[in-house]
Amino acid sequence: MSAHPTLGFVLHDVARLLRKRFEQRAKCLGLTRSQWQTLAYLANNEGIHQGGLAEILEVEPITLVRILDRLAERGLVERRQHPADRRVWLLYMRDEALPLLAQMRVIGEATRGEALDGVCAEQREQLFQILSLMRTNLVQACRTPAAGNEQNHG
């Protein structure tokens, strides 16, 4: 193995440490990591169905149901029946979650500030542009099978 970490390793480690530091700061909110991540993604995807949110969060639907049950008990999220399909539940933030989300944003800003300490504004913008391009490239790449991994079942 090389003495230099790979890009994937560094990205994974930075993401892990960002989550860890955010979690340290967010302890006072009384939420688990899975709960605050669920709230963060739901805030940007209100009206999504439970299966879609589970896919975004990369968790099993039954796992998300348990998380949502706890958040609903706290009055932070609500489920509404889909107007055309009674089997589908749509997810929405409750007004009670808004102050909590505001606190999460402040904690996120402080955490990002710590992570980017010593990085000038121009470098921050360049980093964001590069990572955004990488994400776009990988989203596109994931839409097609990887070469060499295709199997012929005929």
Protein backbone atom coordinates (compact mmCIF):
# COMPACT_ATOMS: atom_id res chain seq x y z
CA MET A 1 0.00 0.00 0.00
CA SER A 2 1.22 3.49 -0.82
CA ALA A 3 2.45 5.77 1.97
CA HIS A 4 0.20 8.50 0.55
CA PRO A 5 -3.54 8.22 1.18
CA THR A 6 -5.80 8.07 -1.85
CA LEU A 7 -8.34 10.75 -2.73
CA GLY A 8 -11.17 8.43 -1.70
CA PHE A 9 -9.58 7.78 1.68
CA VAL A 10 -9.03 11.48 2.38
CA LEU A 11 -12.57 12.42 1.29
CA HIS A 12 -14.06 9.66 3.44
CA ASP A 13 -11.95 10.65 6.44
CA VAL A 14 -12.80 14.35 6.12
CA ALA A 15 -16.53 13.51 5.83
CA ARG A 16 -16.29 11.22 8.87
CA LEU A 17 -14.52 13.89 10.92
CA LEU A 18 -17.01 16.57 9.88
CA ARG A 19 -19.86 14.32 11.08
CA LYS A 20 -17.99 13.55 14.31
CA ARG A 21 -17.31 17.22 15.07
CA PHE A 22 -20.88 18.22 14.20
CA GLU A 23 -22.13 15.47 16.50
CA GLN A 24 -19.93 16.74 19.34
CA ARG A 25 -21.34 20.23 18.95
CA ALA A 26 -24.96 19.05 18.41
CA LYS A 27 -25.16 16.86 21.51
CA CYS A 28 -27.11 19.62 23.26
CA LEU A 29 -29.95 19.26 20.72
CA GLY A 30 -30.88 15.83 22.04
CA LEU A 31 -30.83 14.17 18.62
CA THR A 32 -28.99 11.10 17.43
CA ARG A 33 -26.82 11.32 14.31
CA SER A 34 -29.45 9.47 12.28
CA GLN A 35 -32.16 11.85 13.51
CA TRP A 36 -30.30 15.05 12.63
CA GLN A 37 -29.26 13.64 9.27
CA THR A 38 -32.88 12.71 8.56
CA LEU A 39 -34.05 16.21 9.48
CA ALA A 40 -31.34 17.82 7.35
CA TYR A 41 -32.27 15.81 4.26
CA LEU A 42 -36.01 16.17 4.85
CA ALA A 43 -35.64 19.95 5.12
CA ASN A 44 -34.37 19.94 1.52
CA ASN A 45 -36.84 17.33 0.25
CA GLU A 46 -40.18 18.07 1.91
CA GLY A 47 -43.08 16.08 0.51
CA ILE A 48 -40.84 13.12 -0.36
CA HIS A 49 -42.15 9.63 0.33
CA GLN A 50 -40.51 7.44 2.97
CA GLY A 51 -38.89 5.10 0.43
CA GLY A 52 -37.31 8.01 -1.43
CA LEU A 53 -35.86 9.49 1.75
CA ALA A 54 -34.53 6.07 2.80
CA GLU A 55 -32.77 5.84 -0.56
CA ILE A 56 -31.19 9.29 -0.18
CA LEU A 57 -30.03 8.46 3.35
CA GLU A 58 -28.84 5.02 2.21
CA VAL A 59 -30.71 3.22 4.99
CA GLU A 60 -33.24 0.42 4.92
CA PRO A 61 -36.86 1.66 4.84
CA ILE A 62 -37.65 -0.08 8.15
CA THR A 63 -34.72 1.73 9.78
CA LEU A 64 -36.06 5.07 8.56
CA VAL A 65 -39.54 4.22 9.87
CA ARG A 66 -38.10 3.89 13.39
CA ILE A 67 -36.22 7.19 13.08
CA LEU A 68 -39.33 8.95 11.77
CA ASP A 69 -41.44 7.48 14.58
CA ARG A 70 -39.12 9.09 17.14
CA LEU A 71 -39.05 12.41 15.30
CA ALA A 72 -42.86 12.37 15.00
CA GLU A 73 -43.16 11.64 18.73
CA ARG A 74 -41.12 14.79 19.36
CA GLY A 75 -43.44 16.74 17.06
CA LEU A 76 -40.71 17.51 14.52
CA VAL A 77 -42.02 15.69 11.43
CA GLU A 78 -45.37 14.54 10.17
CA ARG A 79 -46.55 11.92 7.72
CA ARG A 80 -49.36 12.72 5.29
CA GLN A 81 -51.08 10.21 3.10
CA HIS A 82 -50.38 10.48 -0.62
CA PRO A 83 -53.51 11.88 -2.31
CA ALA A 84 -53.58 9.17 -4.97
CA ASP A 85 -52.02 6.17 -3.21
CA ARG A 86 -53.10 5.34 0.34
CA ARG A 87 -50.09 3.03 0.78
CA VAL A 88 -47.62 5.90 0.39
CA TRP A 89 -46.79 8.39 3.15
CA LEU A 90 -45.31 11.81 2.35
CA LEU A 91 -43.01 13.49 4.86
CA TYR A 92 -43.08 17.09 6.05
CA MET A 93 -41.30 19.19 8.65
CA ARG A 94 -43.43 20.62 11.44
CA ASP A 95 -43.03 24.23 12.55
CA GLU A 96 -41.58 22.92 15.82
CA ALA A 97 -38.54 21.66 13.87
CA LEU A 98 -37.63 25.08 12.45
CA PRO A 99 -35.74 26.40 15.53
CA LEU A 100 -33.88 23.11 15.72
CA LEU A 101 -32.92 23.36 12.05
CA ALA A 102 -31.70 26.92 12.64
CA GLN A 103 -29.48 25.66 15.47
CA MET A 104 -28.21 22.84 13.24
CA ARG A 105 -27.28 25.39 10.57
CA VAL A 106 -25.31 27.47 13.09
CA ILE A 107 -23.50 24.36 14.32
CA GLY A 108 -22.82 23.31 10.71
CA GLU A 109 -21.38 26.73 9.89
CA ALA A 110 -19.09 26.60 12.92
CA THR A 111 -17.99 23.07 12.06
CA ARG A 112 -17.22 24.01 8.45
CA GLY A 113 -15.36 27.07 9.73
CA GLU A 114 -13.12 24.86 11.84
CA ALA A 115 -12.52 22.49 8.92
CA LEU A 116 -11.67 25.31 6.52
CA ASP A 117 -9.50 27.31 8.92
CA GLY A 118 -6.50 28.62 6.96
CA VAL A 119 -8.15 28.11 3.56
CA CYS A 120 -8.67 31.42 1.75
CA ALA A 121 -11.96 32.34 0.07
CA GLU A 122 -10.57 31.68 -3.43
CA GLN A 123 -9.37 28.20 -2.44
CA ARG A 124 -12.72 27.46 -0.77
CA GLU A 125 -14.56 28.34 -3.96
CA GLN A 126 -12.18 26.27 -6.06
CA LEU A 127 -12.55 23.30 -3.69
CA PHE A 128 -16.34 23.57 -3.87
CA GLN A 129 -16.28 23.74 -7.68
CA ILE A 130 -13.98 20.71 -7.97
CA LEU A 131 -16.03 18.62 -5.54
CA SER A 132 -19.26 19.65 -7.30
CA LEU A 133 -17.79 18.60 -10.66
CA MET A 134 -16.64 15.29 -9.16
CA ARG A 135 -20.16 14.69 -7.81
CA THR A 136 -21.71 15.47 -11.19
CA ASN A 137 -19.26 13.14 -12.94
CA LEU A 138 -19.97 10.32 -10.50
CA VAL A 139 -23.75 10.75 -10.65
CA GLN A 140 -23.52 10.46 -14.43
CA ALA A 141 -21.13 7.50 -14.22
CA CYS A 142 -23.42 5.66 -11.79
CA ARG A 143 -26.22 5.79 -14.36
CA THR A 144 -24.32 3.37 -16.59
CA PRO A 145 -22.88 -0.05 -15.73
CA ALA A 146 -19.16 -0.14 -15.01
CA ALA A 147 -17.14 -1.63 -17.87
CA GLY A 148 -15.98 -5.16 -17.17
CA ASN A 149 -18.63 -5.78 -14.52
CA GLU A 150 -21.42 -6.59 -16.95
CA GLN A 151 -22.51 -10.18 -17.00
CA ASN A 152 -24.13 -11.98 -19.88
CA HIS A 153 -27.05 -14.00 -18.58
CA GLY A 154 -28.27 -15.16 -21.99
